[in-house]
């Protein structure tokens, strides 16, 4: 356990951030899975926005999000 006050505060902050980050990552993975099962333009826009949110929060790299968006866009029938 941390001894210094600033270390205690950092631990509290890290725990809160971990909960939020795990929730966002889980939402992204769920959206990707639903897009792969039933690809549609509506699903793609949802996945795209969730990936952009993850990039904004520095949870995934910009290039990884672009790669995933590209691969998922190719699944959409009759583009």
N, C-alpha and C. Protein backbone atom coordinates (compact mmCIF):
# COMPACT_ATOMS: atom_id res chain seq x y z
N UNK A 1 0.84 -1.19 0.00
CA UNK A 1 0.00 0.00 0.00
C UNK A 1 0.88 1.24 0.00
N UNK A 2 0.40 2.30 -0.65
CA UNK A 2 1.16 3.53 -0.69
C UNK A 2 1.20 4.21 0.68
N UNK A 3 2.28 4.87 0.93
CA UNK A 3 2.45 5.55 2.21
C UNK A 3 2.22 7.05 2.06
N UNK A 4 2.77 7.65 1.02
CA UNK A 4 2.64 9.08 0.81
C UNK A 4 1.24 9.44 0.33
N UNK A 5 0.82 10.66 0.68
CA UNK A 5 -0.52 11.10 0.31
C UNK A 5 -0.70 11.17 -1.21
N UNK A 6 0.31 11.66 -1.92
CA UNK A 6 0.18 11.77 -3.37
C UNK A 6 0.15 10.38 -4.02
N UNK A 7 0.80 9.41 -3.42
CA UNK A 7 0.76 8.04 -3.94
C UNK A 7 -0.63 7.43 -3.71
N UNK A 8 -1.26 7.77 -2.59
CA UNK A 8 -2.61 7.28 -2.32
C UNK A 8 -3.59 7.87 -3.33
N UNK A 9 -3.43 9.16 -3.60
CA UNK A 9 -4.30 9.81 -4.58
C UNK A 9 -4.09 9.22 -5.97
N UNK A 10 -2.85 8.96 -6.32
CA UNK A 10 -2.55 8.36 -7.62
C UNK A 10 -3.18 6.97 -7.73
N UNK A 11 -3.17 6.22 -6.66
CA UNK A 11 -3.78 4.89 -6.65
C UNK A 11 -5.29 4.99 -6.86
N UNK A 12 -5.93 5.95 -6.18
CA UNK A 12 -7.37 6.14 -6.35
C UNK A 12 -7.68 6.52 -7.80
N UNK A 13 -6.89 7.41 -8.35
CA UNK A 13 -7.09 7.85 -9.74
C UNK A 13 -6.90 6.70 -10.71
N UNK A 14 -5.89 5.90 -10.50
CA UNK A 14 -5.61 4.78 -11.38
C UNK A 14 -6.73 3.75 -11.34
N UNK A 15 -7.25 3.49 -10.16
CA UNK A 15 -8.35 2.52 -10.04
C UNK A 15 -9.59 3.00 -10.78
N UNK A 16 -9.92 4.30 -10.64
CA UNK A 16 -11.08 4.84 -11.36
C UNK A 16 -10.86 4.79 -12.86
N UNK A 17 -9.66 5.18 -13.30
CA UNK A 17 -9.36 5.18 -14.73
C UNK A 17 -9.39 3.78 -15.30
N UNK A 18 -8.94 2.80 -14.54
CA UNK A 18 -8.94 1.41 -15.00
C UNK A 18 -10.36 0.92 -15.24
N UNK A 19 -11.26 1.28 -14.35
CA UNK A 19 -12.66 0.87 -14.51
C UNK A 19 -13.25 1.47 -15.79
N UNK A 20 -13.01 2.75 -16.01
CA UNK A 20 -13.55 3.42 -17.20
C UNK A 20 -12.91 2.85 -18.46
N UNK A 21 -11.60 2.66 -18.44
CA UNK A 21 -10.90 2.14 -19.62
C UNK A 21 -11.37 0.74 -19.97
N UNK A 22 -11.56 -0.10 -18.98
CA UNK A 22 -12.03 -1.47 -19.24
C UNK A 22 -13.43 -1.46 -19.81
N UNK A 23 -14.28 -0.53 -19.34
CA UNK A 23 -15.63 -0.44 -19.87
C UNK A 23 -15.61 -0.03 -21.34
N UNK A 24 -14.78 0.94 -21.68
CA UNK A 24 -14.70 1.40 -23.07
C UNK A 24 -14.15 0.30 -23.96
N UNK A 25 -13.10 -0.39 -23.52
CA UNK A 25 -12.54 -1.49 -24.31
C UNK A 25 -13.56 -2.60 -24.52
N UNK A 26 -14.34 -2.90 -23.49
CA UNK A 26 -15.36 -3.93 -23.60
C UNK A 26 -16.44 -3.52 -24.60
N UNK A 27 -16.84 -2.24 -24.57
CA UNK A 27 -17.84 -1.76 -25.52
C UNK A 27 -17.33 -1.85 -26.95
N UNK A 28 -16.06 -1.55 -27.15
CA UNK A 28 -15.47 -1.63 -28.49
C UNK A 28 -15.48 -3.07 -28.97
N UNK A 29 -15.05 -3.99 -28.14
CA UNK A 29 -15.00 -5.39 -28.54
C UNK A 29 -16.40 -5.95 -28.81
N UNK A 30 -17.38 -5.54 -28.01
CA UNK A 30 -18.75 -5.99 -28.23
C UNK A 30 -19.29 -5.45 -29.55
N UNK A 31 -19.00 -4.18 -29.84
CA UNK A 31 -19.46 -3.59 -31.09
C UNK A 31 -18.81 -4.27 -32.29
N UNK A 32 -17.53 -4.59 -32.18
CA UNK A 32 -16.83 -5.27 -33.28
C UNK A 32 -17.43 -6.65 -33.50
N UNK A 33 -17.71 -7.35 -32.42
CA UNK A 33 -18.27 -8.69 -32.54
C UNK A 33 -19.65 -8.65 -33.18
N UNK A 34 -20.48 -7.68 -32.78
CA UNK A 34 -21.81 -7.58 -33.38
C UNK A 34 -21.73 -7.19 -34.85
N UNK A 35 -20.73 -6.39 -35.21
CA UNK A 35 -20.55 -6.00 -36.61
C UNK A 35 -20.11 -7.19 -37.46
N UNK A 36 -19.29 -8.07 -36.92
CA UNK A 36 -18.84 -9.22 -37.69
C UNK A 36 -19.97 -10.23 -37.88
N UNK A 37 -20.90 -10.32 -36.91
CA UNK A 37 -22.01 -11.26 -37.04
C UNK A 37 -23.09 -10.75 -37.99
N UNK A 38 -23.43 -9.46 -37.88
CA UNK A 38 -24.44 -8.87 -38.75
C UNK A 38 -23.92 -7.54 -39.30
N UNK A 39 -23.14 -7.58 -40.36
CA UNK A 39 -22.58 -6.33 -40.89
C UNK A 39 -23.65 -5.47 -41.56
N UNK A 40 -23.68 -4.20 -41.19
CA UNK A 40 -24.58 -3.24 -41.81
C UNK A 40 -23.96 -1.86 -41.67
N UNK A 41 -24.50 -0.92 -42.40
CA UNK A 41 -23.97 0.44 -42.35
C UNK A 41 -24.22 1.08 -40.99
N UNK A 42 -25.36 0.78 -40.39
CA UNK A 42 -25.65 1.31 -39.05
C UNK A 42 -24.69 0.77 -38.00
N UNK A 43 -24.41 -0.53 -38.08
CA UNK A 43 -23.46 -1.13 -37.14
C UNK A 43 -22.07 -0.55 -37.33
N UNK A 44 -21.72 -0.31 -38.60
CA UNK A 44 -20.38 0.22 -38.87
C UNK A 44 -20.22 1.61 -38.28
N UNK A 45 -21.25 2.44 -38.33
CA UNK A 45 -21.14 3.79 -37.77
C UNK A 45 -20.99 3.73 -36.25
N UNK A 46 -21.66 2.77 -35.62
CA UNK A 46 -21.53 2.61 -34.16
C UNK A 46 -20.11 2.18 -33.81
N UNK A 47 -19.59 1.18 -34.54
CA UNK A 47 -18.24 0.69 -34.28
C UNK A 47 -17.23 1.81 -34.52
N UNK A 48 -17.43 2.55 -35.58
CA UNK A 48 -16.51 3.63 -35.93
C UNK A 48 -16.45 4.68 -34.82
N UNK A 49 -17.60 5.06 -34.29
CA UNK A 49 -17.60 6.07 -33.23
C UNK A 49 -16.97 5.54 -31.96
N UNK A 50 -17.19 4.27 -31.65
CA UNK A 50 -16.58 3.69 -30.44
C UNK A 50 -15.06 3.58 -30.59
N UNK A 51 -14.60 3.24 -31.79
CA UNK A 51 -13.17 3.19 -32.03
C UNK A 51 -12.56 4.58 -31.93
N UNK A 52 -13.24 5.58 -32.45
CA UNK A 52 -12.74 6.95 -32.35
C UNK A 52 -12.65 7.40 -30.89
N UNK A 53 -13.62 7.00 -30.09
CA UNK A 53 -13.59 7.33 -28.67
C UNK A 53 -12.40 6.67 -27.97
N UNK A 54 -12.13 5.41 -28.32
CA UNK A 54 -10.99 4.71 -27.74
C UNK A 54 -9.68 5.35 -28.14
N UNK A 55 -9.60 5.83 -29.38
CA UNK A 55 -8.38 6.52 -29.83
C UNK A 55 -8.23 7.83 -29.08
N UNK A 56 -9.33 8.55 -28.91
CA UNK A 56 -9.29 9.83 -28.22
C UNK A 56 -8.79 9.68 -26.79
N UNK A 57 -9.17 8.58 -26.15
CA UNK A 57 -8.74 8.33 -24.77
C UNK A 57 -7.41 7.59 -24.69
N UNK A 58 -6.74 7.41 -25.83
CA UNK A 58 -5.43 6.76 -25.90
C UNK A 58 -5.47 5.31 -25.43
N UNK A 59 -6.59 4.62 -25.71
CA UNK A 59 -6.69 3.22 -25.35
C UNK A 59 -6.18 2.32 -26.45
N UNK A 60 -6.32 2.74 -27.70
CA UNK A 60 -5.76 2.00 -28.82
C UNK A 60 -5.07 2.99 -29.74
N UNK A 61 -4.20 2.49 -30.57
CA UNK A 61 -3.43 3.34 -31.48
C UNK A 61 -4.30 3.76 -32.66
N UNK A 62 -3.98 4.91 -33.21
CA UNK A 62 -4.74 5.46 -34.34
C UNK A 62 -4.72 4.51 -35.52
N UNK A 63 -3.57 3.94 -35.82
CA UNK A 63 -3.47 3.05 -36.97
C UNK A 63 -4.26 1.76 -36.77
N UNK A 64 -4.32 1.27 -35.54
CA UNK A 64 -5.10 0.06 -35.27
C UNK A 64 -6.58 0.34 -35.50
N UNK A 65 -7.04 1.50 -35.06
CA UNK A 65 -8.45 1.85 -35.27
C UNK A 65 -8.75 1.97 -36.76
N UNK A 66 -7.84 2.58 -37.51
CA UNK A 66 -8.04 2.74 -38.95
C UNK A 66 -8.06 1.38 -39.63
N UNK A 67 -7.18 0.48 -39.20
CA UNK A 67 -7.13 -0.86 -39.79
C UNK A 67 -8.43 -1.61 -39.51
N UNK A 68 -8.92 -1.54 -38.27
CA UNK A 68 -10.15 -2.22 -37.93
C UNK A 68 -11.34 -1.65 -38.69
N UNK A 69 -11.40 -0.32 -38.80
CA UNK A 69 -12.50 0.31 -39.53
C UNK A 69 -12.49 -0.12 -40.99
N UNK A 70 -11.31 -0.21 -41.57
CA UNK A 70 -11.20 -0.60 -42.97
C UNK A 70 -11.66 -2.03 -43.17
N UNK A 71 -11.22 -2.91 -42.30
CA UNK A 71 -11.59 -4.32 -42.43
C UNK A 71 -13.09 -4.53 -42.20
N UNK A 72 -13.65 -3.78 -41.26
CA UNK A 72 -15.08 -3.92 -40.99
C UNK A 72 -15.92 -3.30 -42.10
N UNK A 73 -15.40 -2.24 -42.72
CA UNK A 73 -16.13 -1.62 -43.83
C UNK A 73 -16.21 -2.56 -45.01
N UNK A 74 -15.22 -3.41 -45.19
CA UNK A 74 -15.23 -4.36 -46.29
C UNK A 74 -16.27 -5.46 -46.10
N UNK A 75 -16.78 -5.63 -44.88
CA UNK A 75 -17.79 -6.64 -44.61
C UNK A 75 -19.19 -6.19 -45.01
N UNK A 76 -19.39 -4.88 -45.17
CA UNK A 76 -20.71 -4.35 -45.46
C UNK A 76 -21.12 -4.77 -46.88
N UNK A 77 -22.27 -5.44 -47.00
CA UNK A 77 -22.72 -5.85 -48.34
C UNK A 77 -23.32 -4.65 -49.08
N UNK A 78 -23.10 -4.62 -50.40
CA UNK A 78 -23.66 -3.59 -51.26
C UNK A 78 -23.36 -2.18 -50.80
N UNK A 79 -22.07 -1.88 -50.66
CA UNK A 79 -21.66 -0.56 -50.20
C UNK A 79 -22.12 0.52 -51.13
